[in-house]
Amino acid sequence: MSQEAAPERVVPVQPVPQSVPEQKGAGAPKGLLQQMEELMEALSADLNQLDADLQSTADRHEQDQDQDRHDKREPRVP
């Protein structure tokens, strides 16, 4: 059995994947710190809106309970 010389396979060099995708569009790519700051601002705004929604829901629930308590009181006999 003879061994034939197999042609060498050339594997193209692939770039290392980046953990943060490059920003495409106008302007320079954003730095990681700037992206994190923008994400934190968006998260903070979302949390503030959620807090406001929960507060208004809690206020309405408390008012409903107060009304129910008032409605369940026995009428006073004069």
PDB file of N, CA and C in Angstrom:
ATOM      1  N   MET A   1       0.829  -1.158   0.000  1.00  0.00           N
ATOM      2  CA  MET A   1       0.000   0.000   0.000  1.00  0.00           C
ATOM      3  C   MET A   1       0.886   1.238   0.000  1.00  0.00           C
ATOM      4  N   SER A   2       0.646   2.098  -0.939  1.00  0.00           N
ATOM      5  CA  SER A   2       1.478   3.284  -1.031  1.00  0.00           C
ATOM      6  C   SER A   2       0.744   4.480  -0.440  1.00  0.00           C
ATOM      7  N   GLN A   3       1.499   5.363   0.096  1.00  0.00           N
ATOM      8  CA  GLN A   3       0.909   6.590   0.636  1.00  0.00           C
ATOM      9  C   GLN A   3       1.069   7.691  -0.371  1.00  0.00           C
ATOM     10  N   GLU A   4      -0.035   8.324  -0.687  1.00  0.00           N
ATOM     11  CA  GLU A   4       0.026   9.448  -1.593  1.00  0.00           C
ATOM     12  C   GLU A   4       0.068  10.727  -0.777  1.00  0.00           C
ATOM     13  N   ALA A   5       0.734  11.676  -1.284  1.00  0.00           N
ATOM     14  CA  ALA A   5       0.809  12.959  -0.593  1.00  0.00           C
ATOM     15  C   ALA A   5      -0.519  13.673  -0.752  1.00  0.00           C
ATOM     16  N   ALA A   6      -1.193  13.889   0.361  1.00  0.00           N
ATOM     17  CA  ALA A   6      -2.473  14.597   0.333  1.00  0.00           C
ATOM     18  C   ALA A   6      -2.207  16.086   0.285  1.00  0.00           C
ATOM     19  N   PRO A   7      -2.963  16.793  -0.548  1.00  0.00           N
ATOM     20  CA  PRO A   7      -2.747  18.245  -0.578  1.00  0.00           C
ATOM     21  C   PRO A   7      -3.127  18.862   0.764  1.00  0.00           C
ATOM     22  N   GLU A   8      -2.359  19.821   1.157  1.00  0.00           N
ATOM     23  CA  GLU A   8      -2.647  20.498   2.425  1.00  0.00           C
ATOM     24  C   GLU A   8      -3.887  21.364   2.265  1.00  0.00           C
ATOM     25  N   ARG A   9      -4.722  21.282   3.258  1.00  0.00           N
ATOM     26  CA  ARG A   9      -5.915  22.123   3.252  1.00  0.00           C
ATOM     27  C   ARG A   9      -5.596  23.413   3.982  1.00  0.00           C
ATOM     28  N   VAL A  10      -5.912  24.475   3.339  1.00  0.00           N
ATOM     29  CA  VAL A  10      -5.690  25.784   3.949  1.00  0.00           C
ATOM     30  C   VAL A  10      -7.010  26.236   4.552  1.00  0.00           C
ATOM     31  N   VAL A  11      -6.992  26.427   5.850  1.00  0.00           N
ATOM     32  CA  VAL A  11      -8.187  26.890   6.549  1.00  0.00           C
ATOM     33  C   VAL A  11      -8.079  28.402   6.676  1.00  0.00           C
ATOM     34  N   PRO A  12      -9.080  29.116   6.151  1.00  0.00           N
ATOM     35  CA  PRO A  12      -9.001  30.575   6.252  1.00  0.00           C
ATOM     36  C   PRO A  12      -9.081  31.025   7.709  1.00  0.00           C
ATOM     37  N   VAL A  13      -8.320  32.042   7.997  1.00  0.00           N
ATOM     38  CA  VAL A  13      -8.314  32.590   9.352  1.00  0.00           C
ATOM     39  C   VAL A  13      -9.611  33.355   9.553  1.00  0.00           C
ATOM     40  N   GLN A  14     -10.321  32.994  10.621  1.00  0.00           N
ATOM     41  CA  GLN A  14     -11.579  33.666  10.927  1.00  0.00           C
ATOM     42  C   GLN A  14     -11.342  34.643  12.059  1.00  0.00           C
ATOM     43  N   PRO A  15     -11.946  35.816  11.956  1.00  0.00           N
ATOM     44  CA  PRO A  15     -11.760  36.789  13.036  1.00  0.00           C
ATOM     45  C   PRO A  15     -12.418  36.288  14.321  1.00  0.00           C
ATOM     46  N   VAL A  16     -11.830  36.689  15.424  1.00  0.00           N
ATOM     47  CA  VAL A  16     -12.379  36.325  16.732  1.00  0.00           C
ATOM     48  C   VAL A  16     -13.685  37.069  16.920  1.00  0.00           C
ATOM     49  N   PRO A  17     -14.775  36.358  17.287  1.00  0.00           N
ATOM     50  CA  PRO A  17     -16.052  37.051  17.474  1.00  0.00           C
ATOM     51  C   PRO A  17     -15.960  38.053  18.617  1.00  0.00           C
ATOM     52  N   GLN A  18     -16.579  39.187  18.404  1.00  0.00           N
ATOM     53  CA  GLN A  18     -16.587  40.221  19.436  1.00  0.00           C
ATOM     54  C   GLN A  18     -17.760  40.003  20.363  1.00  0.00           C
ATOM     55  N   SER A  19     -17.573  40.334  21.634  1.00  0.00           N
ATOM     56  CA  SER A  19     -18.656  40.165  22.591  1.00  0.00           C
ATOM     57  C   SER A  19     -19.715  41.246  22.412  1.00  0.00           C
ATOM     58  N   VAL A  20     -19.340  42.391  21.874  1.00  0.00           N
ATOM     59  CA  VAL A  20     -20.282  43.476  21.610  1.00  0.00           C
ATOM     60  C   VAL A  20     -20.256  43.737  20.118  1.00  0.00           C
ATOM     61  N   PRO A  21     -21.398  43.609  19.443  1.00  0.00           N
ATOM     62  CA  PRO A  21     -21.400  43.840  17.996  1.00  0.00           C
ATOM     63  C   PRO A  21     -21.051  45.281  17.654  1.00  0.00           C
ATOM     64  N   GLU A  22     -20.427  45.434  16.511  1.00  0.00           N
ATOM     65  CA  GLU A  22     -20.066  46.778  16.066  1.00  0.00           C
ATOM     66  C   GLU A  22     -21.321  47.551  15.709  1.00  0.00           C
ATOM     67  N   GLN A  23     -21.287  48.850  15.957  1.00  0.00           N
ATOM     68  CA  GLN A  23     -22.403  49.709  15.615  1.00  0.00           C
ATOM     69  C   GLN A  23     -22.252  50.127  14.166  1.00  0.00           C
ATOM     70  N   LYS A  24     -23.255  49.870  13.384  1.00  0.00           N
ATOM     71  CA  LYS A  24     -23.223  50.279  11.988  1.00  0.00           C
ATOM     72  C   LYS A  24     -24.103  51.517  11.842  1.00  0.00           C
ATOM     73  N   GLY A  25     -23.696  52.416  11.018  1.00  0.00           N
ATOM     74  CA  GLY A  25     -24.486  53.613  10.807  1.00  0.00           C
ATOM     75  C   GLY A  25     -23.609  54.839  10.912  1.00  0.00           C
ATOM     76  N   ALA A  26     -24.249  55.971  11.059  1.00  0.00           N
ATOM     77  CA  ALA A  26     -23.521  57.232  11.097  1.00  0.00           C
ATOM     78  C   ALA A  26     -22.741  57.364  12.393  1.00  0.00           C
ATOM     79  N   GLY A  27     -21.615  58.010  12.300  1.00  0.00           N
ATOM     80  CA  GLY A  27     -20.827  58.285  13.487  1.00  0.00           C
ATOM     81  C   GLY A  27     -19.854  57.164  13.795  1.00  0.00           C
ATOM     82  N   ALA A  28     -19.011  57.422  14.754  1.00  0.00           N
ATOM     83  CA  ALA A  28     -18.011  56.434  15.159  1.00  0.00           C
ATOM     84  C   ALA A  28     -18.665  55.352  16.006  1.00  0.00           C
ATOM     85  N   PRO A  29     -18.072  54.164  16.016  1.00  0.00           N
ATOM     86  CA  PRO A  29     -18.625  53.105  16.868  1.00  0.00           C
ATOM     87  C   PRO A  29     -18.577  53.531  18.334  1.00  0.00           C
ATOM     88  N   LYS A  30     -19.586  53.132  19.064  1.00  0.00           N
ATOM     89  CA  LYS A  30     -19.656  53.505  20.473  1.00  0.00           C
ATOM     90  C   LYS A  30     -18.722  52.612  21.280  1.00  0.00           C
ATOM     91  N   GLY A  31     -18.170  53.191  22.303  1.00  0.00           N
ATOM     92  CA  GLY A  31     -17.331  52.421  23.194  1.00  0.00           C
ATOM     93  C   GLY A  31     -18.202  51.602  24.133  1.00  0.00           C
ATOM     94  N   LEU A  32     -17.614  50.606  24.720  1.00  0.00           N
ATOM     95  CA  LEU A  32     -18.341  49.725  25.627  1.00  0.00           C
ATOM     96  C   LEU A  32     -18.916  50.499  26.806  1.00  0.00           C
ATOM     97  N   LEU A  33     -18.141  51.419  27.355  1.00  0.00           N
ATOM     98  CA  LEU A  33     -18.620  52.205  28.497  1.00  0.00           C
ATOM     99  C   LEU A  33     -19.842  53.035  28.118  1.00  0.00           C
ATOM    100  N   GLN A  34     -19.814  53.654  26.942  1.00  0.00           N
ATOM    101  CA  GLN A  34     -20.949  54.458  26.499  1.00  0.00           C
ATOM    102  C   GLN A  34     -22.180  53.583  26.286  1.00  0.00           C
ATOM    103  N   GLN A  35     -21.990  52.393  25.718  1.00  0.00           N
ATOM    104  CA  GLN A  35     -23.116  51.480  25.528  1.00  0.00           C
ATOM    105  C   GLN A  35     -23.711  51.069  26.869  1.00  0.00           C
ATOM    106  N   MET A  36     -22.847  50.786  27.834  1.00  0.00           N
ATOM    107  CA  MET A  36     -23.329  50.390  29.161  1.00  0.00           C
ATOM    108  C   MET A  36     -24.085  51.535  29.827  1.00  0.00           C
ATOM    109  N   GLU A  37     -23.585  52.758  29.685  1.00  0.00           N
ATOM    110  CA  GLU A  37     -24.279  53.904  30.272  1.00  0.00           C
ATOM    111  C   GLU A  37     -25.662  54.084  29.656  1.00  0.00           C
ATOM    112  N   GLU A  38     -25.754  53.926  28.341  1.00  0.00           N
ATOM    113  CA  GLU A  38     -27.046  54.067  27.674  1.00  0.00           C
ATOM    114  C   GLU A  38     -28.012  52.960  28.104  1.00  0.00           C
ATOM    115  N   LEU A  39     -27.501  51.754  28.241  1.00  0.00           N
ATOM    116  CA  LEU A  39     -28.347  50.654  28.703  1.00  0.00           C
ATOM    117  C   LEU A  39     -28.822  50.887  30.135  1.00  0.00           C
ATOM    118  N   MET A  40     -27.954  51.407  30.986  1.00  0.00           N
ATOM    119  CA  MET A  40     -28.332  51.679  32.370  1.00  0.00           C
ATOM    120  C   MET A  40     -29.388  52.784  32.427  1.00  0.00           C
ATOM    121  N   GLU A  41     -29.259  53.797  31.574  1.00  0.00           N
ATOM    122  CA  GLU A  41     -30.267  54.865  31.525  1.00  0.00           C
ATOM    123  C   GLU A  41     -31.620  54.308  31.080  1.00  0.00           C
ATOM    124  N   ALA A  42     -31.598  53.454  30.079  1.00  0.00           N
ATOM    125  CA  ALA A  42     -32.847  52.850  29.594  1.00  0.00           C
ATOM    126  C   ALA A  42     -33.462  51.956  30.669  1.00  0.00           C
ATOM    127  N   LEU A  43     -32.627  51.188  31.366  1.00  0.00           N
ATOM    128  CA  LEU A  43     -33.117  50.324  32.437  1.00  0.00           C
ATOM    129  C   LEU A  43     -33.719  51.152  33.561  1.00  0.00           C
ATOM    130  N   SER A  44     -33.045  52.229  33.915  1.00  0.00           N
ATOM    131  CA  SER A  44     -33.546  53.102  34.978  1.00  0.00           C
ATOM    132  C   SER A  44     -34.897  53.703  34.600  1.00  0.00           C
ATOM    133  N   ALA A  45     -35.029  54.139  33.355  1.00  0.00           N
ATOM    134  CA  ALA A  45     -36.307  54.701  32.899  1.00  0.00           C
ATOM    135  C   ALA A  45     -37.404  53.640  32.941  1.00  0.00           C
ATOM    136  N   ASP A  46     -37.084  52.420  32.522  1.00  0.00           N
ATOM    137  CA  ASP A  46     -38.072  51.338  32.563  1.00  0.00           C
ATOM    138  C   ASP A  46     -38.492  51.027  34.003  1.00  0.00           C
ATOM    139  N   LEU A  47     -37.525  51.008  34.906  1.00  0.00           N
ATOM    140  CA  LEU A  47     -37.842  50.723  36.309  1.00  0.00           C
ATOM    141  C   LEU A  47     -38.672  51.847  36.925  1.00  0.00           C
ATOM    142  N   ASN A  48     -38.374  53.084  36.573  1.00  0.00           N
ATOM    143  CA  ASN A  48     -39.168  54.208  37.079  1.00  0.00           C
ATOM    144  C   ASN A  48     -40.608  54.119  36.588  1.00  0.00           C
ATOM    145  N   GLN A  49     -40.796  53.743  35.323  1.00  0.00           N
ATOM    146  CA  GLN A  49     -42.150  53.603  34.783  1.00  0.00           C
ATOM    147  C   GLN A  49     -42.877  52.448  35.468  1.00  0.00           C
ATOM    148  N   LEU A  50     -42.184  51.342  35.685  1.00  0.00           N
ATOM    149  CA  LEU A  50     -42.782  50.205  36.374  1.00  0.00           C
ATOM    150  C   LEU A  50     -43.184  50.592  37.793  1.00  0.00           C
ATOM    151  N   ASP A  51     -42.327  51.337  38.490  1.00  0.00           N
ATOM    152  CA  ASP A  51     -42.636  51.785  39.845  1.00  0.00           C
ATOM    153  C   ASP A  51     -43.871  52.674  39.857  1.00  0.00           C
ATOM    154  N   ALA A  52     -43.949  53.587  38.895  1.00  0.00           N
ATOM    155  CA  ALA A  52     -45.119  54.476  38.819  1.00  0.00           C
ATOM    156  C   ALA A  52     -46.387  53.662  38.553  1.00  0.00           C
ATOM    157  N   ASP A  53     -46.305  52.677  37.672  1.00  0.00           N
ATOM    158  CA  ASP A  53     -47.463  51.824  37.378  1.00  0.00           C
ATOM    159  C   ASP A  53     -47.899  51.047  38.623  1.00  0.00           C
ATOM    160  N   LEU A  54     -46.925  50.502  39.336  1.00  0.00           N
ATOM    161  CA  LEU A  54     -47.257  49.734  40.542  1.00  0.00           C
ATOM    162  C   LEU A  54     -47.843  50.624  41.627  1.00  0.00           C
ATOM    163  N   GLN A  55     -47.307  51.839  41.772  1.00  0.00           N
ATOM    164  CA  GLN A  55     -47.835  52.760  42.770  1.00  0.00           C
ATOM    165  C   GLN A  55     -49.277  53.129  42.464  1.00  0.00           C
ATOM    166  N   SER A  56     -49.577  53.409  41.198  1.00  0.00           N
ATOM    167  CA  SER A  56     -50.950  53.794  40.857  1.00  0.00           C
ATOM    168  C   SER A  56     -51.893  52.602  41.033  1.00  0.00           C
ATOM    169  N   THR A  57     -51.432  51.405  40.733  1.00  0.00           N
ATOM    170  CA  THR A  57     -52.254  50.213  40.932  1.00  0.00           C
ATOM    171  C   THR A  57     -52.516  49.996  42.424  1.00  0.00           C
ATOM    172  N   ALA A  58     -51.481  50.184  43.238  1.00  0.00           N
ATOM    173  CA  ALA A  58     -51.638  50.011  44.681  1.00  0.00           C
ATOM    174  C   ALA A  58     -52.587  51.065  45.250  1.00  0.00           C
ATOM    175  N   ASP A  59     -52.479  52.294  44.767  1.00  0.00           N
ATOM    176  CA  ASP A  59     -53.372  53.365  45.239  1.00  0.00           C
ATOM    177  C   ASP A  59     -54.827  53.049  44.890  1.00  0.00           C
ATOM    178  N   ARG A  60     -55.055  52.583  43.659  1.00  0.00           N
ATOM    179  CA  ARG A  60     -56.423  52.241  43.253  1.00  0.00           C
ATOM    180  C   ARG A  60     -56.952  51.071  44.074  1.00  0.00           C
ATOM    181  N   HIS A  61     -56.100  50.093  44.346  1.00  0.00           N
ATOM    182  CA  HIS A  61     -56.512  48.934  45.129  1.00  0.00           C
ATOM    183  C   HIS A  61     -56.883  49.362  46.556  1.00  0.00           C
ATOM    184  N   GLU A  62     -56.082  50.265  47.123  1.00  0.00           N
ATOM    185  CA  GLU A  62     -56.364  50.758  48.467  1.00  0.00           C
ATOM    186  C   GLU A  62     -57.677  51.532  48.497  1.00  0.00           C
ATOM    187  N   GLN A  63     -57.935  52.338  47.489  1.00  0.00           N
ATOM    188  CA  GLN A  63     -59.195  53.082  47.424  1.00  0.00           C
ATOM    189  C   GLN A  63     -60.387  52.136  47.296  1.00  0.00           C
ATOM    190  N   ASP A  64     -60.223  51.080  46.507  1.00  0.00           N
ATOM    191  CA  ASP A  64     -61.299  50.099  46.354  1.00  0.00           C
ATOM    192  C   ASP A  64     -61.588  49.405  47.689  1.00  0.00           C
ATOM    193  N   GLN A  65     -60.537  49.083  48.434  1.00  0.00           N
ATOM    194  CA  GLN A  65     -60.727  48.435  49.731  1.00  0.00           C
ATOM    195  C   GLN A  65     -61.417  49.381  50.710  1.00  0.00           C
ATOM    196  N   ASP A  66     -61.024  50.647  50.694  1.00  0.00           N
ATOM    197  CA  ASP A  66     -61.662  51.628  51.568  1.00  0.00           C
ATOM    198  C   ASP A  66     -63.155  51.759  51.236  1.00  0.00           C
ATOM    199  N   GLN A  67     -63.470  51.780  49.959  1.00  0.00           N
ATOM    200  CA  GLN A  67     -64.863  51.882  49.529  1.00  0.00           C
ATOM    201  C   GLN A  67     -65.632  50.637  49.965  1.00  0.00           C
ATOM    202  N   ASP A  68     -65.027  49.464  49.826  1.00  0.00           N
ATOM    203  CA  ASP A  68     -65.691  48.224  50.243  1.00  0.00           C
ATOM    204  C   ASP A  68     -65.958  48.232  51.747  1.00  0.00           C
ATOM    205  N   ARG A  69     -64.986  48.718  52.532  1.00  0.00           N
ATOM    206  CA  ARG A  69     -65.189  48.782  53.979  1.00  0.00           C
ATOM    207  C   ARG A  69     -66.325  49.737  54.314  1.00  0.00           C
ATOM    208  N   HIS A  70     -66.370  50.840  53.615  1.00  0.00           N
ATOM    209  CA  HIS A  70     -67.416  51.836  53.857  1.00  0.00           C
ATOM    210  C   HIS A  70     -68.786  51.267  53.497  1.00  0.00           C
ATOM    211  N   ASP A  71     -68.861  50.541  52.399  1.00  0.00           N
ATOM    212  CA  ASP A  71     -70.134  49.970  51.952  1.00  0.00           C
ATOM    213  C   ASP A  71     -70.620  48.859  52.874  1.00  0.00           C
ATOM    214  N   LYS A  72     -69.709  48.158  53.554  1.00  0.00           N
ATOM    215  CA  LYS A  72     -70.090  47.037  54.400  1.00  0.00           C
ATOM    216  C   LYS A  72     -70.501  47.453  55.812  1.00  0.00           C
ATOM    217  N   ARG A  73     -70.290  48.708  56.155  1.00  0.00           N
ATOM    218  CA  ARG A  73     -70.684  49.159  57.486  1.00  0.00           C
ATOM    219  C   ARG A  73     -72.199  49.093  57.628  1.00  0.00           C
ATOM    220  N   GLU A  74     -72.596  48.751  58.817  1.00  0.00           N
ATOM    221  CA  GLU A  74     -74.046  48.708  59.069  1.00  0.00           C
ATOM    222  C   GLU A  74     -74.562  50.140  59.212  1.00  0.00           C
ATOM    223  N   PRO A  75     -75.694  50.382  58.674  1.00  0.00           N
ATOM    224  CA  PRO A  75     -76.239  51.748  58.820  1.00  0.00           C
ATOM    225  C   PRO A  75     -76.566  52.026  60.286  1.00  0.00           C
ATOM    226  N   ARG A  76     -76.324  53.238  60.698  1.00  0.00           N
ATOM    227  CA  ARG A  76     -76.595  53.619  62.081  1.00  0.00           C
ATOM    228  C   ARG A  76     -78.075  53.952  62.227  1.00  0.00           C
ATOM    229  N   VAL A  77     -78.626  53.499  63.311  1.00  0.00           N
ATOM    230  CA  VAL A  77     -80.031  53.791  63.589  1.00  0.00           C
ATOM    231  C   VAL A  77     -80.062  55.051  64.426  1.00  0.00           C
ATOM    232  N   PRO A  78     -80.797  56.078  63.968  1.00  0.00           N
ATOM    233  CA  PRO A  78     -80.840  57.325  64.750  1.00  0.00           C
ATOM    234  C   PRO A  78     -81.663  57.200  66.006  1.00  0.00           C
TER     235      PRO A  78
END
